[in-house]
Protein backbone atom coordinates (compact mmCIF):
# COMPACT_ATOMS: atom_id res chain seq x y z
CA MET A 1 0.00 0.00 0.00
CA ASP A 2 1.44 3.34 -1.03
CA ILE A 3 0.91 6.27 1.30
CA SER A 4 -0.41 9.25 -0.61
CA GLN A 5 1.72 12.38 -0.20
CA ASP A 6 -1.50 14.42 0.08
CA SER A 7 -2.86 12.43 3.01
CA THR A 8 -2.23 14.17 6.33
CA VAL A 9 -3.58 11.27 8.36
CA LEU A 10 -1.78 7.97 8.88
CA SER A 11 -4.47 5.47 9.89
CA SER A 12 -2.65 2.21 10.63
CA TRP A 13 0.54 0.98 12.21
CA LYS A 14 1.72 -0.10 8.79
CA ASP A 15 1.23 3.42 7.35
CA ILE A 16 2.98 5.01 10.36
CA ALA A 17 5.89 2.59 10.10
CA GLN A 18 6.23 3.18 6.36
CA TYR A 19 6.16 6.97 6.83
CA LEU A 20 8.89 6.78 9.48
CA GLY A 21 10.89 4.20 7.55
CA LYS A 22 10.78 1.73 10.44
CA GLY A 23 9.08 -1.56 11.29
CA VAL A 24 5.62 -1.80 12.83
CA ARG A 25 6.98 -3.17 16.13
CA THR A 26 9.52 -0.34 16.32
CA VAL A 27 6.90 2.39 16.02
CA GLN A 28 4.68 0.59 18.54
CA ARG A 29 7.62 0.50 20.94
CA TRP A 30 8.23 4.22 20.28
CA GLU A 31 4.62 4.87 21.28
CA ARG A 32 5.03 2.96 24.56
CA HIS A 33 8.50 4.16 25.55
CA LEU A 34 9.15 7.44 23.74
CA GLY A 35 5.67 8.93 23.57
CA LEU A 36 4.95 8.81 19.84
CA PRO A 37 1.72 10.89 19.64
CA VAL A 38 -0.64 8.21 18.30
CA ARG A 39 -4.36 8.88 18.74
CA ARG A 40 -6.99 6.22 19.46
CA PRO A 41 -10.80 6.37 19.58
CA THR A 42 -12.20 7.42 22.96
CA GLY A 43 -12.61 4.44 25.29
CA ALA A 44 -10.59 2.20 23.00
CA THR A 45 -8.20 -0.48 24.21
CA GLN A 46 -4.49 -0.77 23.43
CA LYS A 47 -5.20 -2.94 20.36
CA SER A 48 -7.69 -0.63 18.67
CA ALA A 49 -7.39 1.48 15.55
CA VAL A 50 -4.77 4.22 15.54
CA VAL A 51 -4.48 7.60 13.86
CA LEU A 52 -1.43 9.83 13.56
CA TYR A 53 -1.26 13.18 11.85
CA ARG A 54 1.85 13.80 9.78
CA GLY A 55 2.28 17.22 11.34
CA ASP A 56 2.24 15.69 14.84
CA VAL A 57 4.84 13.08 13.96
CA ASP A 58 7.07 15.67 12.25
CA VAL A 59 6.99 17.92 15.34
CA TRP A 60 7.60 14.90 17.60
CA LEU A 61 10.58 13.84 15.50
CA ALA A 62 12.03 17.35 15.54
CA THR A 63 11.78 17.62 19.32
CA ARG A 64 12.62 14.02 20.19
CA PHE A 65 15.42 13.30 17.73
CA SER A 66 17.79 16.17 17.11
CA ALA A 67 20.58 16.18 14.56
CA ARG A 68 24.04 15.62 16.01
CA PRO A 69 26.22 18.73 16.06
CA PHE A 70 29.20 18.82 13.71
CA LEU A 71 32.42 20.80 14.07
CA LYS A 72 33.85 22.98 11.30
CA ASP A 73 36.11 20.26 9.91
CA GLY A 74 33.23 17.79 9.66
CA VAL A 75 34.20 15.74 12.70
CA ASN A 76 31.36 14.62 14.93
CA GLY A 77 30.88 16.91 17.93
CA ASN A 78 30.46 13.92 20.24
CA GLN A 79 34.19 13.13 20.06
CA PRO A 80 35.89 13.27 23.47
CA SER A 81 37.83 16.42 24.22
CA ARG A 82 41.62 16.49 24.56
CA SER A 83 41.39 16.65 28.34
CA THR A 84 39.10 13.61 28.38
CA ARG A 85 41.45 11.70 26.07
CA SER A 86 44.50 12.60 28.16
CA ALA A 87 42.72 11.56 31.37
CA LEU A 88 41.77 8.26 29.72
CA LYS A 89 45.35 7.69 28.54
CA GLU A 90 46.61 8.40 32.06
CA ARG A 91 44.17 5.88 33.54
CA ILE A 92 45.25 3.27 30.99
CA ARG A 93 48.90 3.93 31.81
CA THR A 94 48.16 3.62 35.55
CA ALA A 95 46.29 0.35 34.96
CA GLN A 96 49.26 -1.04 33.01
CA GLU A 97 51.68 -0.04 35.78
CA LEU A 98 49.43 -1.67 38.39
CA ARG A 99 49.25 -4.84 36.31
CA ILE A 100 53.08 -5.00 36.10
CA ALA A 101 53.41 -4.32 39.84
CA ASN A 102 50.89 -7.10 40.52
CA GLN A 103 52.90 -9.55 38.41
CA VAL A 104 56.13 -8.63 40.25
CA LEU A 105 54.46 -9.09 43.64
CA THR A 106 52.99 -12.42 42.57
CA GLU A 107 56.44 -13.63 41.52
CA GLN A 108 57.95 -12.43 44.82
CA ILE A 109 55.27 -14.23 46.83
CA ALA A 110 55.82 -17.44 44.84
CA ALA A 111 59.58 -17.22 45.45
CA ALA A 112 59.03 -16.60 49.18
CA ILE A 113 56.71 -19.62 49.39
CA ARG A 114 59.27 -21.82 47.60
CA LEU A 115 62.00 -20.62 50.00
CA LEU A 116 59.76 -21.25 53.02
CA ALA A 117 58.99 -24.77 51.81
CA GLU A 118 62.71 -25.46 51.29
CA ARG A 119 63.53 -24.21 54.78
CA CYS A 120 60.73 -26.28 56.31
CA ASP A 121 62.07 -29.37 54.54
CA LEU A 122 65.60 -28.58 55.77
CA LEU A 123 64.34 -28.07 59.31
CA ASN A 124 62.42 -31.37 59.19
CA THR A 125 65.49 -33.18 57.92
CA GLN A 126 67.80 -31.68 60.56
CA VAL A 127 65.48 -32.08 63.55
CA LEU A 128 63.94 -35.43 62.70
CA GLY A 129 66.87 -36.98 60.89
CA GLY A 130 64.83 -37.42 57.74
CA PRO A 131 61.68 -36.21 56.08
CA TRP A 132 58.59 -36.45 58.24
CA ARG A 133 55.42 -37.86 56.77
CA ALA A 134 51.95 -37.15 58.07
CA GLY A 135 50.69 -39.82 60.41
CA GLU A 136 54.16 -40.93 61.60
CA PRO A 137 55.15 -40.30 65.20
CA LEU A 138 57.79 -37.64 65.62
CA GLY A 139 59.87 -39.83 67.87
CA GLN A 140 61.76 -37.55 70.21
CA GLU A 141 59.45 -34.67 71.11
CA LEU A 142 61.20 -31.30 70.97
CA THR A 143 59.58 -28.19 72.32
CA ILE A 144 59.81 -24.75 70.82
CA ARG A 145 61.85 -23.61 73.87
CA GLU A 146 64.44 -26.27 73.13
CA LEU A 147 64.67 -25.25 69.50
CA LEU A 148 64.43 -21.49 69.90
CA PRO A 149 65.85 -20.18 73.16
CA ALA A 150 65.19 -16.60 74.25
CA ALA A 151 66.71 -14.09 71.88
CA GLN A 152 70.20 -13.35 73.16
CA PRO A 153 73.47 -12.61 71.47
CA GLY A 154 74.70 -15.92 70.14
CA SER A 155 71.28 -17.61 70.43
CA ALA A 156 71.46 -18.56 66.76
CA MET A 157 74.51 -20.68 67.58
CA LEU A 158 72.57 -22.40 70.37
CA VAL A 159 69.74 -23.23 68.01
CA GLN A 160 72.18 -24.55 65.45
CA ARG A 161 73.93 -26.75 68.07
CA ARG A 162 70.63 -28.11 69.35
CA LEU A 163 69.46 -28.89 65.81
CA HIS A 164 72.61 -30.92 65.24
CA LYS A 165 72.72 -32.63 68.65
CA PRO A 166 72.81 -36.40 68.41
CA ARG A 167 69.71 -38.32 69.42
CA SER A 168 69.76 -40.73 72.29
């Protein structure tokens, strides 16, 4: 169906959609959500006949959808300003630096955990005379006081001697 250019009244969703160059469901959604000025008979339900005057839709389009501003050189006016771009670049740079710092810290933590595990294994070997396995009795019970005497000058030597003392 061809809409006559002389007709000022659009009397169906199909005519309205064709006039706007959109689909029927799109113009129905525009009525619900954007306030497209469709008229219905008094007392009619949502699914009744519709009428829309071309002048009403033209005014609605002009007030609802404005043309985007353009700068002199033809670039879209919605481009971010230099200050916005520089702030964005700075945030990206900061994020990259934080990511690198996070990787370095992760590597340091992994190295510290490996070193701690090695020292625990060494301590187990020295104190117990071999690796200890879960569920095995420790044999000679050593207290923390025996292993680590009060901090005094030379206490490290005492700990070392006690770790190497022969078992009875």
